[in-house]
Amino acid sequence: MTSSAVPRVAVAMCTYNGAAYLQAQLDSLLVQTVPVDEVVIGDDGSSDATLSLLNDFARHAATRGIRVDIVQRPRNLGYVLNFADVLQRCTAEIVFLCDQDDVWYPDRVETYLERFDSDASLMLLHSDARLVDGVGEPLGAMLFGMLRVHPAELELERSGLVLDAVLMRNFVTGATCALRRVLLENGLPIGSKWSHDEWLAVVASLEGGLDVLPQATIDYRQHAGNQIGASRRSIRDRLRNLALLDERQRMCTAHRLQALLVLLSARGVQVAPARLKGLGALTWRMAWSRLQLYRRPDVEWAWIVHDVPRLLARLANACLAGGGWRAAIAACKGAWAGLRGRPLM
């Protein structure tokens, strides 16, 4: 990539009482082999030394020709709304999402730009990450490994079927993401009750522009203050957290699925046989796609046993969130079609 071909690069960062870990992240932004052009930071009402660190960083970055815009929130918006606003304030062609407590590898920007340069259709790119503890010591695990992401799931993503993966769970972690700013024109506002990273991943996938780097490009810090982190939970832990009978959880699921249905309808995306509508179409698709995945010879029984409770929980959530018995019947039909290897339509 020639210097004249290098697109402008922005970093969208959100902070909230992150002084304990922030400096290492800020330092890593300044040692990139391909420098960034602007850093837009939304501070969500920090009461510690975060703003002092950010102001020092802004002065230092200015000496290197990097524009820094710090937005101080008068009240706490929460990370989804904070990120949505910061993303819209970025002006560069390529925008990197950035958490306050991780550390970027020096060649991260360069690596991502090479992929964007080689594929004009690429809208959003994410990667694996190395897990580290609160002081930055490696935990001996990678993000995809901790989440037990199967290579077959990554293939779904690469084939444009990330919808099938995200209906089950999200493994597109915002801290590892970079996107073309043009994606925001169709990707915002964020769907109700969705996180910004998974929503933008779905939109990018529907446009045929989502991909993943298998290697780590950041150290992903795990500590008590993480809003979203990575952990390996037992089946008992996962069942305990399903909260199937919790009304607020059911309402959250209902909002998420309805927002997804609106998006799919607006894009003219048919996810199931035409006779199925609404939540029934989604439960059919969940069951069909997962059973198709289970049939693959490279998908091990041990992974299937681990994944089945997730499938059942997602289907139950959709039924309890308004799908009812019709969605349950649709799920059974989808599972049968998937088990028999029938095509989608």
Foldseek 3Di string as FASTA:
>chain_A
DDPVPQWAEEEEEEDAQLVLAQVQALVLQCLAPDHHAEYEYEYQAHDDCVVVSLVVSQVVVVVVNHHYHYHYDPHGPDDQVSRLVSLVVDDIFKYAYAYRHKHFDRHLVVVVSVVCVVDVLAFKEFEKAFEAENVRHGPPDIQCVLVVPDVVLQVCLLVLNVVLVVLLNDPRDRNGMMGGSVLSVLQPDPFQLDHSRSSSSNSSSLSSHYHYDHDHGMHAYDDPPDPDDGHHDDPVVVVVPLPLVPPVLLQSLLSVQVSVLVSCVVSVHQQAPPVDDGLLSVLLNNLQVVLLVVPDPPDDPVVVVVRVVSNVSSQSSSCSSPVPVSSVVSNVVSNVCNNVPHDRD
